């Protein structure tokens, strides 16, 4: 299981977004970034964009399904 598990926390009304993630998720994002040559921020943004697109699509998915 995830160590230091916390829910995703988003606190921003600005265009720039700050999130608090578990150490395991940060490590996973960092690893994916190293594998692809992207920053962990870019990887996280891509994941959020995909979730958003799925929620907006005809087969709407809720976050609880992940």
PDB file of N, CA and C in Angstrom:
ATOM      1  N   UNK A   1       0.842  -1.181   0.000  1.00  0.00           N
ATOM      2  CA  UNK A   1       0.000   0.000   0.000  1.00  0.00           C
ATOM      3  C   UNK A   1       0.884   1.241   0.000  1.00  0.00           C
ATOM      4  N   UNK A   2       0.278   2.389  -0.212  1.00  0.00           N
ATOM      5  CA  UNK A   2       1.040   3.642  -0.259  1.00  0.00           C
ATOM      6  C   UNK A   2       1.473   4.069   1.137  1.00  0.00           C
ATOM      7  N   UNK A   3       2.741   4.425   1.286  1.00  0.00           N
ATOM      8  CA  UNK A   3       3.192   4.965   2.565  1.00  0.00           C
ATOM      9  C   UNK A   3       2.856   6.452   2.593  1.00  0.00           C
ATOM     10  N   UNK A   4       2.573   6.979   3.765  1.00  0.00           N
ATOM     11  CA  UNK A   4       2.204   8.387   3.924  1.00  0.00           C
ATOM     12  C   UNK A   4       1.046   8.776   3.008  1.00  0.00           C
ATOM     13  N   UNK A   5       0.054   7.895   2.894  1.00  0.00           N
ATOM     14  CA  UNK A   5      -1.061   8.119   1.970  1.00  0.00           C
ATOM     15  C   UNK A   5      -1.925   9.277   2.433  1.00  0.00           C
ATOM     16  N   UNK A   6      -2.159  10.217   1.533  1.00  0.00           N
ATOM     17  CA  UNK A   6      -3.083  11.331   1.751  1.00  0.00           C
ATOM     18  C   UNK A   6      -3.878  11.514   0.481  1.00  0.00           C
ATOM     19  N   UNK A   7      -5.066  12.056   0.629  1.00  0.00           N
ATOM     20  CA  UNK A   7      -5.854  12.365  -0.555  1.00  0.00           C
ATOM     21  C   UNK A   7      -5.215  13.521  -1.292  1.00  0.00           C
ATOM     22  N   UNK A   8      -5.497  13.601  -2.567  1.00  0.00           N
ATOM     23  CA  UNK A   8      -5.036  14.710  -3.387  1.00  0.00           C
ATOM     24  C   UNK A   8      -5.635  15.992  -2.827  1.00  0.00           C
ATOM     25  N   UNK A   9      -4.831  16.990  -2.636  1.00  0.00           N
ATOM     26  CA  UNK A   9      -5.285  18.265  -2.100  1.00  0.00           C
ATOM     27  C   UNK A   9      -4.993  19.359  -3.113  1.00  0.00           C
ATOM     28  N   UNK A  10      -6.043  20.056  -3.544  1.00  0.00           N
ATOM     29  CA  UNK A  10      -5.881  21.134  -4.515  1.00  0.00           C
ATOM     30  C   UNK A  10      -6.361  22.427  -3.877  1.00  0.00           C
ATOM     31  N   UNK A  11      -5.481  23.390  -3.775  1.00  0.00           N
ATOM     32  CA  UNK A  11      -5.815  24.656  -3.142  1.00  0.00           C
ATOM     33  C   UNK A  11      -5.367  25.800  -4.037  1.00  0.00           C
ATOM     34  N   UNK A  12      -6.277  26.271  -4.878  1.00  0.00           N
ATOM     35  CA  UNK A  12      -5.907  27.362  -5.754  1.00  0.00           C
ATOM     36  C   UNK A  12      -7.121  27.928  -6.455  1.00  0.00           C
ATOM     37  N   UNK A  13      -7.155  29.215  -6.587  1.00  0.00           N
ATOM     38  CA  UNK A  13      -8.136  29.877  -7.423  1.00  0.00           C
ATOM     39  C   UNK A  13      -7.423  30.510  -8.615  1.00  0.00           C
ATOM     40  N   UNK A  14      -6.133  30.334  -8.683  1.00  0.00           N
ATOM     41  CA  UNK A  14      -5.304  30.899  -9.737  1.00  0.00           C
ATOM     42  C   UNK A  14      -5.094  29.877 -10.838  1.00  0.00           C
ATOM     43  N   UNK A  15      -4.496  30.315 -11.926  1.00  0.00           N
ATOM     44  CA  UNK A  15      -4.175  29.413 -13.023  1.00  0.00           C
ATOM     45  C   UNK A  15      -3.108  28.401 -12.604  1.00  0.00           C
ATOM     46  N   UNK A  16      -2.165  28.841 -11.796  1.00  0.00           N
ATOM     47  CA  UNK A  16      -1.129  27.957 -11.275  1.00  0.00           C
ATOM     48  C   UNK A  16      -1.728  27.120 -10.155  1.00  0.00           C
ATOM     49  N   UNK A  17      -1.417  25.838 -10.110  1.00  0.00           N
ATOM     50  CA  UNK A  17      -2.044  24.899  -9.191  1.00  0.00           C
ATOM     51  C   UNK A  17      -0.991  24.212  -8.335  1.00  0.00           C
ATOM     52  N   UNK A  18      -1.240  24.136  -7.043  1.00  0.00           N
ATOM     53  CA  UNK A  18      -0.358  23.402  -6.138  1.00  0.00           C
ATOM     54  C   UNK A  18      -1.119  22.205  -5.597  1.00  0.00           C
ATOM     55  N   UNK A  19      -0.455  21.058  -5.535  1.00  0.00           N
ATOM     56  CA  UNK A  19      -1.090  19.860  -5.002  1.00  0.00           C
ATOM     57  C   UNK A  19      -0.172  19.193  -3.991  1.00  0.00           C
ATOM     58  N   UNK A  20      -0.779  18.526  -3.020  1.00  0.00           N
ATOM     59  CA  UNK A  20      -0.039  17.728  -2.047  1.00  0.00           C
ATOM     60  C   UNK A  20      -0.271  16.267  -2.383  1.00  0.00           C
ATOM     61  N   UNK A  21       0.804  15.512  -2.556  1.00  0.00           N
ATOM     62  CA  UNK A  21       0.716  14.107  -2.932  1.00  0.00           C
ATOM     63  C   UNK A  21       1.537  13.254  -1.987  1.00  0.00           C
ATOM     64  N   UNK A  22       1.200  11.976  -1.918  1.00  0.00           N
ATOM     65  CA  UNK A  22       1.989  11.058  -1.106  1.00  0.00           C
ATOM     66  C   UNK A  22       3.380  10.911  -1.717  1.00  0.00           C
ATOM     67  N   UNK A  23       4.312  10.472  -0.910  1.00  0.00           N
ATOM     68  CA  UNK A  23       5.680  10.244  -1.376  1.00  0.00           C
ATOM     69  C   UNK A  23       5.687   9.197  -2.492  1.00  0.00           C
ATOM     70  N   UNK A  24       4.864   8.166  -2.359  1.00  0.00           N
ATOM     71  CA  UNK A  24       4.803   7.125  -3.383  1.00  0.00           C
ATOM     72  C   UNK A  24       4.368   7.683  -4.733  1.00  0.00           C
ATOM     73  N   UNK A  25       3.372   8.553  -4.735  1.00  0.00           N
ATOM     74  CA  UNK A  25       2.896   9.136  -5.994  1.00  0.00           C
ATOM     75  C   UNK A  25       3.959  10.046  -6.583  1.00  0.00           C
ATOM     76  N   UNK A  26       4.620  10.830  -5.751  1.00  0.00           N
ATOM     77  CA  UNK A  26       5.694  11.695  -6.245  1.00  0.00           C
ATOM     78  C   UNK A  26       6.815  10.861  -6.857  1.00  0.00           C
ATOM     79  N   UNK A  27       7.185   9.772  -6.189  1.00  0.00           N
ATOM     80  CA  UNK A  27       8.233   8.896  -6.718  1.00  0.00           C
ATOM     81  C   UNK A  27       7.820   8.298  -8.055  1.00  0.00           C
ATOM     82  N   UNK A  28       6.559   7.881  -8.160  1.00  0.00           N
ATOM     83  CA  UNK A  28       6.043   7.313  -9.400  1.00  0.00           C
ATOM     84  C   UNK A  28       6.054   8.346 -10.519  1.00  0.00           C
ATOM     85  N   UNK A  29       5.594   9.572 -10.221  1.00  0.00           N
ATOM     86  CA  UNK A  29       5.606  10.652 -11.216  1.00  0.00           C
ATOM     87  C   UNK A  29       7.031  10.972 -11.657  1.00  0.00           C
ATOM     88  N   UNK A  30       7.952  11.025 -10.705  1.00  0.00           N
ATOM     89  CA  UNK A  30       9.352  11.310 -11.025  1.00  0.00           C
ATOM     90  C   UNK A  30       9.922  10.228 -11.938  1.00  0.00           C
ATOM     91  N   UNK A  31       9.617   8.956 -11.619  1.00  0.00           N
ATOM     92  CA  UNK A  31      10.096   7.840 -12.430  1.00  0.00           C
ATOM     93  C   UNK A  31       9.532   7.908 -13.852  1.00  0.00           C
ATOM     94  N   UNK A  32       8.239   8.170 -13.975  1.00  0.00           N
ATOM     95  CA  UNK A  32       7.617   8.300 -15.295  1.00  0.00           C
ATOM     96  C   UNK A  32       8.238   9.459 -16.065  1.00  0.00           C
ATOM     97  N   UNK A  33       8.538  10.539 -15.370  1.00  0.00           N
ATOM     98  CA  UNK A  33       9.174  11.686 -16.004  1.00  0.00           C
ATOM     99  C   UNK A  33      10.559  11.349 -16.527  1.00  0.00           C
ATOM    100  N   UNK A  34      11.330  10.620 -15.735  1.00  0.00           N
ATOM    101  CA  UNK A  34      12.668  10.220 -16.165  1.00  0.00           C
ATOM    102  C   UNK A  34      12.606   9.286 -17.371  1.00  0.00           C
ATOM    103  N   UNK A  35      11.603   8.398 -17.394  1.00  0.00           N
ATOM    104  CA  UNK A  35      11.452   7.450 -18.501  1.00  0.00           C
ATOM    105  C   UNK A  35      11.068   8.150 -19.802  1.00  0.00           C
ATOM    106  N   UNK A  36      10.325   9.244 -19.691  1.00  0.00           N
ATOM    107  CA  UNK A  36       9.798   9.914 -20.881  1.00  0.00           C
ATOM    108  C   UNK A  36      10.514  11.219 -21.212  1.00  0.00           C
ATOM    109  N   UNK A  37      11.399  11.676 -20.328  1.00  0.00           N
ATOM    110  CA  UNK A  37      12.084  12.943 -20.552  1.00  0.00           C
ATOM    111  C   UNK A  37      11.208  14.151 -20.253  1.00  0.00           C
ATOM    112  N   UNK A  38      10.161  13.928 -19.464  1.00  0.00           N
ATOM    113  CA  UNK A  38       9.249  15.017 -19.101  1.00  0.00           C
ATOM    114  C   UNK A  38       9.370  15.298 -17.609  1.00  0.00           C
ATOM    115  N   UNK A  39       8.897  16.452 -17.198  1.00  0.00           N
ATOM    116  CA  UNK A  39       8.896  16.765 -15.774  1.00  0.00           C
ATOM    117  C   UNK A  39       7.741  16.036 -15.085  1.00  0.00           C
ATOM    118  N   UNK A  40       7.872  15.832 -13.779  1.00  0.00           N
ATOM    119  CA  UNK A  40       6.783  15.185 -13.058  1.00  0.00           C
ATOM    120  C   UNK A  40       5.522  16.050 -13.098  1.00  0.00           C
ATOM    121  N   UNK A  41       5.678  17.370 -13.201  1.00  0.00           N
ATOM    122  CA  UNK A  41       4.535  18.269 -13.328  1.00  0.00           C
ATOM    123  C   UNK A  41       3.810  18.030 -14.654  1.00  0.00           C
ATOM    124  N   UNK A  42       4.588  17.827 -15.729  1.00  0.00           N
ATOM    125  CA  UNK A  42       3.983  17.552 -17.033  1.00  0.00           C
ATOM    126  C   UNK A  42       3.230  16.224 -17.020  1.00  0.00           C
ATOM    127  N   UNK A  43       3.812  15.221 -16.386  1.00  0.00           N
ATOM    128  CA  UNK A  43       3.158  13.915 -16.290  1.00  0.00           C
ATOM    129  C   UNK A  43       1.847  14.049 -15.514  1.00  0.00           C
ATOM    130  N   UNK A  44       1.865  14.731 -14.380  1.00  0.00           N
ATOM    131  CA  UNK A  44       0.655  14.926 -13.575  1.00  0.00           C
ATOM    132  C   UNK A  44      -0.403  15.692 -14.366  1.00  0.00           C
ATOM    133  N   UNK A  45       0.013  16.715 -15.099  1.00  0.00           N
ATOM    134  CA  UNK A  45      -0.928  17.500 -15.904  1.00  0.00           C
ATOM    135  C   UNK A  45      -1.564  16.633 -16.986  1.00  0.00           C
ATOM    136  N   UNK A  46      -0.783  15.760 -17.609  1.00  0.00           N
ATOM    137  CA  UNK A  46      -1.320  14.877 -18.642  1.00  0.00           C
ATOM    138  C   UNK A  46      -2.356  13.916 -18.062  1.00  0.00           C
ATOM    139  N   UNK A  47      -2.071  13.394 -16.886  1.00  0.00           N
ATOM    140  CA  UNK A  47      -3.004  12.477 -16.229  1.00  0.00           C
ATOM    141  C   UNK A  47      -4.307  13.196 -15.891  1.00  0.00           C
ATOM    142  N   UNK A  48      -4.210  14.380 -15.318  1.00  0.00           N
ATOM    143  CA  UNK A  48      -5.412  15.142 -14.985  1.00  0.00           C
ATOM    144  C   UNK A  48      -6.210  15.500 -16.228  1.00  0.00           C
ATOM    145  N   UNK A  49      -5.517  15.838 -17.302  1.00  0.00           N
ATOM    146  CA  UNK A  49      -6.187  16.157 -18.559  1.00  0.00           C
ATOM    147  C   UNK A  49      -6.960  14.949 -19.090  1.00  0.00           C
ATOM    148  N   UNK A  50      -6.351  13.758 -19.005  1.00  0.00           N
ATOM    149  CA  UNK A  50      -7.030  12.547 -19.462  1.00  0.00           C
ATOM    150  C   UNK A  50      -8.271  12.248 -18.624  1.00  0.00           C
ATOM    151  N   UNK A  51      -8.168  12.395 -17.323  1.00  0.00           N
ATOM    152  CA  UNK A  51      -9.326  12.168 -16.449  1.00  0.00           C
ATOM    153  C   UNK A  51     -10.431  13.162 -16.792  1.00  0.00           C
ATOM    154  N   UNK A  52     -10.057  14.412 -16.997  1.00  0.00           N
ATOM    155  CA  UNK A  52     -11.027  15.442 -17.357  1.00  0.00           C
ATOM    156  C   UNK A  52     -11.725  15.084 -18.681  1.00  0.00           C
ATOM    157  N   UNK A  53     -10.957  14.692 -19.680  1.00  0.00           N
ATOM    158  CA  UNK A  53     -11.526  14.332 -20.982  1.00  0.00           C
ATOM    159  C   UNK A  53     -12.502  13.168 -20.850  1.00  0.00           C
ATOM    160  N   UNK A  54     -12.133  12.168 -20.040  1.00  0.00           N
ATOM    161  CA  UNK A  54     -13.026  11.024 -19.843  1.00  0.00           C
ATOM    162  C   UNK A  54     -14.326  11.452 -19.177  1.00  0.00           C
ATOM    163  N   UNK A  55     -14.241  12.344 -18.220  1.00  0.00           N
ATOM    164  CA  UNK A  55     -15.447  12.816 -17.536  1.00  0.00           C
ATOM    165  C   UNK A  55     -16.345  13.626 -18.454  1.00  0.00           C
ATOM    166  N   UNK A  56     -15.767  14.302 -19.423  1.00  0.00           N
ATOM    167  CA  UNK A  56     -16.542  15.135 -20.337  1.00  0.00           C
ATOM    168  C   UNK A  56     -17.100  14.351 -21.509  1.00  0.00           C
ATOM    169  N   UNK A  57     -16.562  13.162 -21.749  1.00  0.00           N
ATOM    170  CA  UNK A  57     -16.949  12.377 -22.907  1.00  0.00           C
ATOM    171  C   UNK A  57     -18.301  11.698 -22.762  1.00  0.00           C
ATOM    172  N   UNK A  58     -18.744  11.018 -23.831  1.00  0.00           N
ATOM    173  CA  UNK A  58     -20.052  10.366 -23.835  1.00  0.00           C
ATOM    174  C   UNK A  58     -20.155   9.230 -22.810  1.00  0.00           C
ATOM    175  N   UNK A  59     -19.044   8.571 -22.508  1.00  0.00           N
ATOM    176  CA  UNK A  59     -19.035   7.513 -21.496  1.00  0.00           C
ATOM    177  C   UNK A  59     -18.495   8.079 -20.197  1.00  0.00           C
ATOM    178  N   UNK A  60     -19.176   9.057 -19.674  1.00  0.00           N
ATOM    179  CA  UNK A  60     -18.709   9.807 -18.505  1.00  0.00           C
ATOM    180  C   UNK A  60     -18.258   8.877 -17.385  1.00  0.00           C
ATOM    181  N   UNK A  61     -17.072   9.138 -16.868  1.00  0.00           N
ATOM    182  CA  UNK A  61     -16.482   8.355 -15.794  1.00  0.00           C
ATOM    183  C   UNK A  61     -16.349   9.258 -14.576  1.00  0.00           C
ATOM    184  N   UNK A  62     -16.675   8.750 -13.414  1.00  0.00           N
ATOM    185  CA  UNK A  62     -16.464   9.536 -12.198  1.00  0.00           C
ATOM    186  C   UNK A  62     -15.139   9.140 -11.597  1.00  0.00           C
ATOM    187  N   UNK A  63     -14.574  10.022 -10.810  1.00  0.00           N
ATOM    188  CA  UNK A  63     -13.261   9.779 -10.203  1.00  0.00           C
ATOM    189  C   UNK A  63     -13.290   8.551  -9.295  1.00  0.00           C
ATOM    190  N   UNK A  64     -14.454   8.191  -8.781  1.00  0.00           N
ATOM    191  CA  UNK A  64     -14.560   7.028  -7.899  1.00  0.00           C
ATOM    192  C   UNK A  64     -14.311   5.716  -8.635  1.00  0.00           C
ATOM    193  N   UNK A  65     -14.356   5.727  -9.962  1.00  0.00           N
ATOM    194  CA  UNK A  65     -14.127   4.514 -10.734  1.00  0.00           C
ATOM    195  C   UNK A  65     -12.649   4.198 -10.914  1.00  0.00           C
ATOM    196  N   UNK A  66     -11.741   5.074 -10.499  1.00  0.00           N
ATOM    197  CA  UNK A  66     -10.309   4.852 -10.691  1.00  0.00           C
ATOM    198  C   UNK A  66      -9.709   4.125  -9.531  1.00  0.00           C
TER     199      UNK A  66
END
